[in-house]
Amino acid sequence: MTARGSDPGTEHAHARELFASARRITALTGAGVSTDSGIPDFRGPNGVWTRDPQAQRLTDLDSYVADPEVRRLAWRGRAEHPAWAAEPNPAHRAFADLAAQGRLTSLLTQNIDGLHQRAGLPVGLVLELHGSVFGVVCLDCGATGSMRAALERVADGEEDPPCRSCGGILKSTTISFGQNLDPDVIRSAQRAALDCDLFLAAGTSLTVHPAAGLAELAVRAGARLVICNAEPTPYDELAAAVLREPLAEVLPELAAVPLAESAEPLRTWGDPSTWG
């Protein structure tokens, strides 16, 4: 059996046809979109966890809560996070172009770096599934604040700054392993997956749930799935097109495909609870 994505010419041609007929696009993006901006992924050949398996402890909620040393290391890492200096790359700008055309209706991202917004994507279109590195939250009372203000306290000598409201543990507003995603965010993401005629998954391994399941939800609702990722994913066989080329090249190309005049309007698929 021929592996999906192994015939680039055919896959590209089909992807262009799909974009030419897509009036409502929902996108799901992962770490691969930001690697060209200097932000390493976690699992890739040069990923954070590949180079330093111990770094995964810093993203584990139980370890973070139980071990003050993990928190001290995490705070130092936050001050040095590449997101502070990163700039959007052509992949980010491609999504902004689709939004300017009125065809990108939702951008669901697993990234925490804010680069989609900095590329010009309207904030109202972006749903940050895994939170943001630029905010902090108290795990005890729920008080929130800015990461920059918390890091100023670290720079002034507080290695593990407590919440100023209750003295509890502060962490970034990113979602750690062992921490549940916001149910309201998930419901909004599910609605976006149902309300599209094309679902684009870019730079994501589609292995982290519940985000990965949004691709299947969209397909079950009748959308066509296009996957742009360097490595195979568990959902490649569901996709109408699979592209392996660098995202900074392929996404601008797809965003430049004009909508065909003959493109049919979005179909209504109804309540997913009624599906067989």
C-alpha atoms as a PDB file:
ATOM      1  CA  MET A   1       0.000   0.000   0.000  1.00  0.00           C
ATOM      2  CA  THR A   2       1.307   3.459  -0.910  1.00  0.00           C
ATOM      3  CA  ALA A   3       1.824   5.684   2.126  1.00  0.00           C
ATOM      4  CA  ARG A   4      -0.180   8.887   2.218  1.00  0.00           C
ATOM      5  CA  GLY A   5       1.893  11.890   1.217  1.00  0.00           C
ATOM      6  CA  SER A   6       4.345   9.775  -0.822  1.00  0.00           C
ATOM      7  CA  ASP A   7       3.171  11.276  -4.159  1.00  0.00           C
ATOM      8  CA  PRO A   8       3.708  15.021  -3.607  1.00  0.00           C
ATOM      9  CA  GLY A   9       2.457  16.070  -7.035  1.00  0.00           C
ATOM     10  CA  THR A  10      -0.916  14.343  -6.686  1.00  0.00           C
ATOM     11  CA  GLU A  11      -1.349  15.444  -3.078  1.00  0.00           C
ATOM     12  CA  HIS A  12      -0.541  19.072  -3.932  1.00  0.00           C
ATOM     13  CA  ALA A  13      -2.948  19.131  -6.857  1.00  0.00           C
ATOM     14  CA  HIS A  14      -5.743  17.707  -4.740  1.00  0.00           C
ATOM     15  CA  ALA A  15      -5.026  20.113  -1.879  1.00  0.00           C
ATOM     16  CA  ARG A  16      -5.238  23.065  -4.253  1.00  0.00           C
ATOM     17  CA  GLU A  17      -8.586  21.810  -5.566  1.00  0.00           C
ATOM     18  CA  LEU A  18      -9.883  21.516  -2.015  1.00  0.00           C
ATOM     19  CA  PHE A  19      -8.792  25.039  -1.128  1.00  0.00           C
ATOM     20  CA  ALA A  20     -10.371  26.378  -4.310  1.00  0.00           C
ATOM     21  CA  SER A  21     -13.743  25.099  -3.103  1.00  0.00           C
ATOM     22  CA  ALA A  22     -13.376  25.896   0.611  1.00  0.00           C
ATOM     23  CA  ARG A  23     -15.508  28.769   1.862  1.00  0.00           C
ATOM     24  CA  ARG A  24     -15.186  28.087   5.596  1.00  0.00           C
ATOM     25  CA  ILE A  25     -11.827  26.833   6.865  1.00  0.00           C
ATOM     26  CA  THR A  26     -11.039  25.775  10.407  1.00  0.00           C
ATOM     27  CA  ALA A  27      -7.354  25.237  11.150  1.00  0.00           C
ATOM     28  CA  LEU A  28      -5.601  23.335  13.907  1.00  0.00           C
ATOM     29  CA  THR A  29      -1.945  24.234  14.361  1.00  0.00           C
ATOM     30  CA  GLY A  30       0.843  22.659  16.379  1.00  0.00           C
ATOM     31  CA  ALA A  31       4.484  23.197  17.214  1.00  0.00           C
ATOM     32  CA  GLY A  32       5.635  22.614  13.635  1.00  0.00           C
ATOM     33  CA  VAL A  33       4.180  25.980  12.601  1.00  0.00           C
ATOM     34  CA  SER A  34       6.532  27.831  14.953  1.00  0.00           C
ATOM     35  CA  THR A  35       9.796  25.931  14.488  1.00  0.00           C
ATOM     36  CA  ASP A  36      10.851  28.282  11.663  1.00  0.00           C
ATOM     37  CA  SER A  37      10.449  31.119  14.170  1.00  0.00           C
ATOM     38  CA  GLY A  38      13.067  29.542  16.408  1.00  0.00           C
ATOM     39  CA  ILE A  39      10.719  27.816  18.844  1.00  0.00           C
ATOM     40  CA  PRO A  40      11.636  24.109  19.097  1.00  0.00           C
ATOM     41  CA  ASP A  41       8.961  21.449  19.233  1.00  0.00           C
ATOM     42  CA  PHE A  42       8.892  18.792  21.942  1.00  0.00           C
ATOM     43  CA  ARG A  43       9.076  15.440  20.146  1.00  0.00           C
ATOM     44  CA  GLY A  44      10.959  16.155  16.904  1.00  0.00           C
ATOM     45  CA  PRO A  45      14.590  15.245  16.174  1.00  0.00           C
ATOM     46  CA  ASN A  46      15.727  18.516  17.761  1.00  0.00           C
ATOM     47  CA  GLY A  47      12.825  18.752  20.167  1.00  0.00           C
ATOM     48  CA  VAL A  48      13.100  19.908  23.764  1.00  0.00           C
ATOM     49  CA  TRP A  49      12.334  16.451  25.168  1.00  0.00           C
ATOM     50  CA  THR A  50      14.503  14.673  22.598  1.00  0.00           C
ATOM     51  CA  ARG A  51      17.556  16.685  23.648  1.00  0.00           C
ATOM     52  CA  ASP A  52      16.729  16.653  27.363  1.00  0.00           C
ATOM     53  CA  PRO A  53      14.245  13.977  28.525  1.00  0.00           C
ATOM     54  CA  GLN A  54      14.340  15.444  32.054  1.00  0.00           C
ATOM     55  CA  ALA A  55      12.768  18.657  30.722  1.00  0.00           C
ATOM     56  CA  GLN A  56       9.408  16.885  30.562  1.00  0.00           C
ATOM     57  CA  ARG A  57       9.214  17.133  34.368  1.00  0.00           C
ATOM     58  CA  LEU A  58       8.803  20.887  34.012  1.00  0.00           C
ATOM     59  CA  THR A  59       5.542  20.380  32.138  1.00  0.00           C
ATOM     60  CA  ASP A  60       4.094  17.798  34.529  1.00  0.00           C
ATOM     61  CA  LEU A  61       1.574  19.344  36.936  1.00  0.00           C
ATOM     62  CA  ASP A  62       2.129  16.879  39.792  1.00  0.00           C
ATOM     63  CA  SER A  63       5.897  17.395  39.680  1.00  0.00           C
ATOM     64  CA  TYR A  64       5.441  21.165  39.518  1.00  0.00           C
ATOM     65  CA  VAL A  65       3.165  21.269  42.567  1.00  0.00           C
ATOM     66  CA  ALA A  66       5.166  18.800  44.654  1.00  0.00           C
ATOM     67  CA  ASP A  67       8.729  19.959  43.999  1.00  0.00           C
ATOM     68  CA  PRO A  68       9.890  23.554  44.648  1.00  0.00           C
ATOM     69  CA  GLU A  69      13.061  22.872  42.643  1.00  0.00           C
ATOM     70  CA  VAL A  70      10.962  22.030  39.567  1.00  0.00           C
ATOM     71  CA  ARG A  71       9.151  25.339  40.008  1.00  0.00           C
ATOM     72  CA  ARG A  72      12.431  27.252  40.336  1.00  0.00           C
ATOM     73  CA  LEU A  73      13.730  25.649  37.150  1.00  0.00           C
ATOM     74  CA  ALA A  74      10.437  26.380  35.399  1.00  0.00           C
ATOM     75  CA  TRP A  75      10.599  30.064  36.313  1.00  0.00           C
ATOM     76  CA  ARG A  76      14.119  30.349  34.961  1.00  0.00           C
ATOM     77  CA  GLY A  77      12.991  28.638  31.762  1.00  0.00           C
ATOM     78  CA  ARG A  78      10.059  31.024  31.352  1.00  0.00           C
ATOM     79  CA  ALA A  79      12.371  34.018  31.460  1.00  0.00           C
ATOM     80  CA  GLU A  80      14.409  32.458  28.652  1.00  0.00           C
ATOM     81  CA  HIS A  81      11.513  31.160  26.555  1.00  0.00           C
ATOM     82  CA  PRO A  82      12.143  31.845  22.843  1.00  0.00           C
ATOM     83  CA  ALA A  83       8.593  33.198  22.459  1.00  0.00           C
ATOM     84  CA  TRP A  84       9.748  36.523  23.923  1.00  0.00           C
ATOM     85  CA  ALA A  85      12.003  37.209  20.932  1.00  0.00           C
ATOM     86  CA  ALA A  86      10.346  35.111  18.197  1.00  0.00           C
ATOM     87  CA  GLU A  87       8.838  36.665  15.079  1.00  0.00           C
ATOM     88  CA  PRO A  88       6.034  35.226  12.926  1.00  0.00           C
ATOM     89  CA  ASN A  89       7.170  33.281   9.872  1.00  0.00           C
ATOM     90  CA  PRO A  90       5.453  32.811   6.472  1.00  0.00           C
ATOM     91  CA  ALA A  91       3.335  29.945   7.845  1.00  0.00           C
ATOM     92  CA  HIS A  92       1.777  32.252  10.443  1.00  0.00           C
ATOM     93  CA  ARG A  93       1.223  34.956   7.850  1.00  0.00           C
ATOM     94  CA  ALA A  94      -0.524  32.466   5.550  1.00  0.00           C
ATOM     95  CA  PHE A  95      -3.286  32.028   8.129  1.00  0.00           C
ATOM     96  CA  ALA A  96      -3.608  35.799   8.451  1.00  0.00           C
ATOM     97  CA  ASP A  97      -4.003  35.961   4.661  1.00  0.00           C
ATOM     98  CA  LEU A  98      -6.795  33.370   4.760  1.00  0.00           C
ATOM     99  CA  ALA A  99      -8.527  35.375   7.476  1.00  0.00           C
ATOM    100  CA  ALA A 100      -8.234  38.559   5.403  1.00  0.00           C
ATOM    101  CA  GLN A 101      -9.976  36.711   2.570  1.00  0.00           C
ATOM    102  CA  GLY A 102     -12.850  35.921   4.942  1.00  0.00           C
ATOM    103  CA  ARG A 103     -12.315  32.172   4.545  1.00  0.00           C
ATOM    104  CA  LEU A 104     -10.562  31.272   7.809  1.00  0.00           C
ATOM    105  CA  THR A 105     -13.313  31.234  10.388  1.00  0.00           C
ATOM    106  CA  SER A 106     -11.420  29.684  13.334  1.00  0.00           C
ATOM    107  CA  LEU A 107      -7.776  29.019  14.221  1.00  0.00           C
ATOM    108  CA  LEU A 108      -7.357  26.398  16.934  1.00  0.00           C
ATOM    109  CA  THR A 109      -3.785  26.267  18.153  1.00  0.00           C
ATOM    110  CA  GLN A 110      -1.859  24.002  20.481  1.00  0.00           C
ATOM    111  CA  ASN A 111       0.908  26.608  20.533  1.00  0.00           C
ATOM    112  CA  ILE A 112       1.465  28.942  23.470  1.00  0.00           C
ATOM    113  CA  ASP A 113       3.619  31.552  21.756  1.00  0.00           C
ATOM    114  CA  GLY A 114       1.072  34.120  20.517  1.00  0.00           C
ATOM    115  CA  LEU A 115       2.674  34.246  17.061  1.00  0.00           C
ATOM    116  CA  HIS A 116      -0.612  33.819  15.187  1.00  0.00           C
ATOM    117  CA  GLN A 117      -1.914  37.020  16.739  1.00  0.00           C
ATOM    118  CA  ARG A 118       1.357  38.834  16.108  1.00  0.00           C
ATOM    119  CA  ALA A 119       1.150  37.811  12.434  1.00  0.00           C
ATOM    120  CA  GLY A 120      -2.075  39.803  12.154  1.00  0.00           C
ATOM    121  CA  LEU A 121      -4.710  37.158  12.820  1.00  0.00           C
ATOM    122  CA  PRO A 122      -7.671  38.755  14.638  1.00  0.00           C
ATOM    123  CA  VAL A 123      -7.664  37.749  18.301  1.00  0.00           C
ATOM    124  CA  GLY A 124     -11.313  36.713  18.038  1.00  0.00           C
ATOM    125  CA  LEU A 125     -10.438  33.973  15.534  1.00  0.00           C
ATOM    126  CA  VAL A 126      -7.730  32.367  17.694  1.00  0.00           C
ATOM    127  CA  LEU A 127      -8.522  29.714  20.277  1.00  0.00           C
ATOM    128  CA  GLU A 128      -5.475  28.793  22.380  1.00  0.00           C
ATOM    129  CA  LEU A 129      -6.207  25.197  23.354  1.00  0.00           C
ATOM    130  CA  HIS A 130      -3.148  24.849  25.573  1.00  0.00           C
ATOM    131  CA  GLY A 131      -3.069  28.357  26.989  1.00  0.00           C
ATOM    132  CA  SER A 132      -0.420  31.051  26.721  1.00  0.00           C
ATOM    133  CA  VAL A 133       3.091  31.522  28.053  1.00  0.00           C
ATOM    134  CA  PHE A 134       2.377  35.223  28.584  1.00  0.00           C
ATOM    135  CA  GLY A 135      -0.015  34.844  31.528  1.00  0.00           C
ATOM    136  CA  VAL A 136       0.113  33.375  35.044  1.00  0.00           C
ATOM    137  CA  VAL A 137      -2.550  31.813  37.234  1.00  0.00           C
ATOM    138  CA  CYS A 138      -2.680  30.824  40.894  1.00  0.00           C
ATOM    139  CA  LEU A 139      -3.379  27.121  41.314  1.00  0.00           C
ATOM    140  CA  ASP A 140      -5.061  27.804  44.664  1.00  0.00           C
ATOM    141  CA  CYS A 141      -7.340  30.846  44.262  1.00  0.00           C
ATOM    142  CA  GLY A 142      -7.413  31.208  40.466  1.00  0.00           C
ATOM    143  CA  ALA A 143      -6.077  34.785  40.416  1.00  0.00           C
ATOM    144  CA  THR A 144      -4.468  35.702  37.091  1.00  0.00           C
ATOM    145  CA  GLY A 145      -1.785  38.147  36.039  1.00  0.00           C
ATOM    146  CA  SER A 146       0.882  38.862  33.457  1.00  0.00           C
ATOM    147  CA  MET A 147       3.945  36.703  33.012  1.00  0.00           C
ATOM    148  CA  ARG A 148       6.108  39.772  32.537  1.00  0.00           C
ATOM    149  CA  ALA A 149       5.172  41.094  35.995  1.00  0.00           C
ATOM    150  CA  ALA A 150       5.864  37.692  37.580  1.00  0.00           C
ATOM    151  CA  LEU A 151       9.255  37.465  35.884  1.00  0.00           C
ATOM    152  CA  GLU A 152      10.162  40.892  37.234  1.00  0.00           C
ATOM    153  CA  ARG A 153       9.684  39.416  40.706  1.00  0.00           C
ATOM    154  CA  VAL A 154      11.956  36.503  39.742  1.00  0.00           C
ATOM    155  CA  ALA A 155      14.591  38.938  38.514  1.00  0.00           C
ATOM    156  CA  ASP A 156      14.339  40.750  41.859  1.00  0.00           C
ATOM    157  CA  GLY A 157      15.225  37.567  43.721  1.00  0.00           C
ATOM    158  CA  GLU A 158      11.975  35.591  44.176  1.00  0.00           C
ATOM    159  CA  GLU A 159      12.947  32.224  42.714  1.00  0.00           C
ATOM    160  CA  ASP A 160       9.407  30.814  43.131  1.00  0.00           C
ATOM    161  CA  PRO A 161       7.080  33.830  43.487  1.00  0.00           C
ATOM    162  CA  PRO A 162       3.863  33.021  45.383  1.00  0.00           C
ATOM    163  CA  CYS A 163       0.425  34.421  44.593  1.00  0.00           C
ATOM    164  CA  ARG A 164       0.070  37.896  46.068  1.00  0.00           C
ATOM    165  CA  SER A 165      -3.609  37.306  46.753  1.00  0.00           C
ATOM    166  CA  CYS A 166      -3.427  34.072  48.749  1.00  0.00           C
ATOM    167  CA  GLY A 167       0.191  32.903  48.877  1.00  0.00           C
ATOM    168  CA  GLY A 168      -0.550  29.939  46.622  1.00  0.00           C
ATOM    169  CA  ILE A 169       1.495  28.426  43.803  1.00  0.00           C
ATOM    170  CA  LEU A 170       1.742  30.421  40.585  1.00  0.00           C
ATOM    171  CA  LYS A 171       2.294  28.846  37.156  1.00  0.00           C
ATOM    172  CA  SER A 172       1.999  29.929  33.582  1.00  0.00           C
ATOM    173  CA  THR A 173      -1.434  29.785  31.957  1.00  0.00           C
ATOM    174  CA  THR A 174      -0.214  26.974  29.728  1.00  0.00           C
ATOM    175  CA  ILE A 175      -1.801  23.545  30.130  1.00  0.00           C
ATOM    176  CA  SER A 176       0.547  21.072  31.805  1.00  0.00           C
ATOM    177  CA  PHE A 177       0.409  17.300  31.594  1.00  0.00           C
ATOM    178  CA  GLY A 178      -2.077  16.129  34.184  1.00  0.00           C
ATOM    179  CA  GLN A 179      -4.066  19.356  33.915  1.00  0.00           C
ATOM    180  CA  ASN A 180      -7.494  19.431  32.283  1.00  0.00           C
ATOM    181  CA  LEU A 181      -8.203  21.739  29.383  1.00  0.00           C
ATOM    182  CA  ASP A 182     -10.802  24.436  29.908  1.00  0.00           C
ATOM    183  CA  PRO A 183     -14.160  22.769  29.013  1.00  0.00           C
ATOM    184  CA  ASP A 184     -15.467  26.010  27.499  1.00  0.00           C
ATOM    185  CA  VAL A 185     -12.442  26.164  25.208  1.00  0.00           C
ATOM    186  CA  ILE A 186     -12.981  22.555  24.124  1.00  0.00           C
ATOM    187  CA  ARG A 187     -16.653  23.158  23.390  1.00  0.00           C
ATOM    188  CA  SER A 188     -15.769  26.193  21.281  1.00  0.00           C
ATOM    189  CA  ALA A 189     -13.165  24.145  19.401  1.00  0.00           C
ATOM    190  CA  GLN A 190     -15.700  21.407  18.730  1.00  0.00           C
ATOM    191  CA  ARG A 191     -18.171  23.922  17.352  1.00  0.00           C
ATOM    192  CA  ALA A 192     -15.471  25.278  15.060  1.00  0.00           C
ATOM    193  CA  ALA A 193     -14.667  21.765  13.825  1.00  0.00           C
ATOM    194  CA  LEU A 194     -18.338  21.234  13.000  1.00  0.00           C
ATOM    195  CA  ASP A 195     -18.738  24.602  11.272  1.00  0.00           C
ATOM    196  CA  CYS A 196     -16.344  24.223   8.345  1.00  0.00           C
ATOM    197  CA  ASP A 197     -16.123  22.650   4.931  1.00  0.00           C
ATOM    198  CA  LEU A 198     -12.336  22.204   5.161  1.00  0.00           C
ATOM    199  CA  PHE A 199     -10.325  21.319   8.260  1.00  0.00           C
ATOM    200  CA  LEU A 200      -6.611  22.066   7.972  1.00  0.00           C
ATOM    201  CA  ALA A 201      -4.222  20.417  10.442  1.00  0.00           C
ATOM    202  CA  ALA A 202      -0.756  21.964  10.191  1.00  0.00           C
ATOM    203  CA  GLY A 203       2.424  21.233  12.097  1.00  0.00           C
ATOM    204  CA  THR A 204       0.762  18.873  14.552  1.00  0.00           C
ATOM    205  CA  SER A 205       1.404  15.182  15.140  1.00  0.00           C
ATOM    206  CA  LEU A 206      -2.303  14.701  15.953  1.00  0.00           C
ATOM    207  CA  THR A 207      -1.389  12.509  18.910  1.00  0.00           C
ATOM    208  CA  VAL A 208      -2.400  14.786  21.800  1.00  0.00           C
ATOM    209  CA  HIS A 209      -6.053  14.582  22.744  1.00  0.00           C
ATOM    210  CA  PRO A 210      -8.620  16.046  22.827  1.00  0.00           C
ATOM    211  CA  ALA A 211      -7.153  18.394  20.202  1.00  0.00           C
ATOM    212  CA  ALA A 212      -6.285  15.563  17.802  1.00  0.00           C
ATOM    213  CA  GLY A 213      -9.867  14.268  17.838  1.00  0.00           C
ATOM    214  CA  LEU A 214     -11.110  17.539  16.334  1.00  0.00           C
ATOM    215  CA  ALA A 215      -9.854  16.375  12.927  1.00  0.00           C
ATOM    216  CA  GLU A 216     -12.040  13.261  13.033  1.00  0.00           C
ATOM    217  CA  LEU A 217     -14.987  15.277  14.341  1.00  0.00           C
ATOM    218  CA  ALA A 218     -14.751  17.591  11.342  1.00  0.00           C
ATOM    219  CA  VAL A 219     -14.528  14.676   8.903  1.00  0.00           C
ATOM    220  CA  ARG A 220     -17.553  12.970  10.456  1.00  0.00           C
ATOM    221  CA  ALA A 221     -19.467  16.222  10.007  1.00  0.00           C
ATOM    222  CA  GLY A 222     -18.652  16.232   6.289  1.00  0.00           C
ATOM    223  CA  ALA A 223     -15.578  18.465   6.083  1.00  0.00           C
ATOM    224  CA  ARG A 224     -12.560  17.561   3.975  1.00  0.00           C
ATOM    225  CA  LEU A 225      -9.334  17.111   5.930  1.00  0.00           C
ATOM    226  CA  VAL A 226      -5.960  18.421   4.729  1.00  0.00           C
ATOM    227  CA  ILE A 227      -2.903  17.519   6.812  1.00  0.00           C
ATOM    228  CA  CYS A 228       0.386  19.395   6.453  1.00  0.00           C
ATOM    229  CA  ASN A 229       2.990  17.738   8.672  1.00  0.00           C
ATOM    230  CA  ALA A 230       6.532  16.489   8.179  1.00  0.00           C
ATOM    231  CA  GLU A 231       5.832  13.106   9.793  1.00  0.00           C
ATOM    232  CA  PRO A 232       2.902  10.666   9.434  1.00  0.00           C
ATOM    233  CA  THR A 233      -0.041  11.128  11.793  1.00  0.00           C
ATOM    234  CA  PRO A 234      -2.724   8.692  13.022  1.00  0.00           C
ATOM    235  CA  TYR A 235      -5.283  10.546  10.900  1.00  0.00           C
ATOM    236  CA  ASP A 236      -3.529  10.480   7.521  1.00  0.00           C
ATOM    237  CA  GLU A 237      -5.906   7.849   6.130  1.00  0.00           C
ATOM    238  CA  LEU A 238      -8.886  10.093   6.910  1.00  0.00           C
ATOM    239  CA  ALA A 239      -7.352  13.004   5.021  1.00  0.00           C
ATOM    240  CA  ALA A 240      -8.242  14.051   1.510  1.00  0.00           C
ATOM    241  CA  ALA A 241      -4.683  15.350   1.048  1.00  0.00           C
ATOM    242  CA  VAL A 242      -1.448  14.935   3.032  1.00  0.00           C
ATOM    243  CA  LEU A 243       1.498  17.267   2.420  1.00  0.00           C
ATOM    244  CA  ARG A 244       4.984  16.746   3.876  1.00  0.00           C
ATOM    245  CA  GLU A 245       6.768  19.857   2.580  1.00  0.00           C
ATOM    246  CA  PRO A 246       8.029  22.692   4.848  1.00  0.00           C
ATOM    247  CA  LEU A 247       5.086  24.665   6.213  1.00  0.00           C
ATOM    248  CA  ALA A 248       6.667  28.033   5.448  1.00  0.00           C
ATOM    249  CA  GLU A 249       6.484  27.027   1.775  1.00  0.00           C
ATOM    250  CA  VAL A 250       3.293  25.006   1.436  1.00  0.00           C
ATOM    251  CA  LEU A 251       0.909  27.080   3.581  1.00  0.00           C
ATOM    252  CA  PRO A 252       1.469  30.387   1.713  1.00  0.00           C
ATOM    253  CA  GLU A 253       0.956  28.463  -1.525  1.00  0.00           C
ATOM    254  CA  LEU A 254      -2.379  27.080  -0.348  1.00  0.00           C
ATOM    255  CA  ALA A 255      -3.491  30.427   1.082  1.00  0.00           C
ATOM    256  CA  ALA A 256      -2.910  31.980  -2.350  1.00  0.00           C
ATOM    257  CA  VAL A 257      -5.353  29.591  -4.083  1.00  0.00           C
ATOM    258  CA  PRO A 258      -8.394  31.715  -4.996  1.00  0.00           C
ATOM    259  CA  LEU A 259     -11.909  30.608  -4.224  1.00  0.00           C
ATOM    260  CA  ALA A 260     -13.544  29.180  -7.341  1.00  0.00           C
ATOM    261  CA  GLU A 261     -16.737  30.908  -8.458  1.00  0.00           C
ATOM    262  CA  SER A 262     -18.399  27.507  -8.667  1.00  0.00           C
ATOM    263  CA  ALA A 263     -17.612  26.621  -5.032  1.00  0.00           C
ATOM    264  CA  GLU A 264     -20.702  25.268  -3.317  1.00  0.00           C
ATOM    265  CA  PRO A 265     -21.860  26.807  -0.019  1.00  0.00           C
ATOM    266  CA  LEU A 266     -21.271  25.052   3.292  1.00  0.00           C
ATOM    267  CA  ARG A 267     -23.656  22.206   4.033  1.00  0.00           C
ATOM    268  CA  THR A 268     -25.467  21.936   7.371  1.00  0.00           C
ATOM    269  CA  TRP A 269     -24.742  18.678   9.155  1.00  0.00           C
ATOM    270  CA  GLY A 270     -26.906  18.960  12.241  1.00  0.00           C
ATOM    271  CA  ASP A 271     -26.388  17.744  15.778  1.00  0.00           C
ATOM    272  CA  PRO A 272     -23.498  15.232  16.053  1.00  0.00           C
ATOM    273  CA  SER A 273     -25.342  13.407  18.839  1.00  0.00           C
ATOM    274  CA  THR A 274     -27.786  12.147  16.208  1.00  0.00           C
ATOM    275  CA  TRP A 275     -25.111  10.543  14.021  1.00  0.00           C
ATOM    276  CA  GLY A 276     -24.999   6.774  13.738  1.00  0.00           C
END
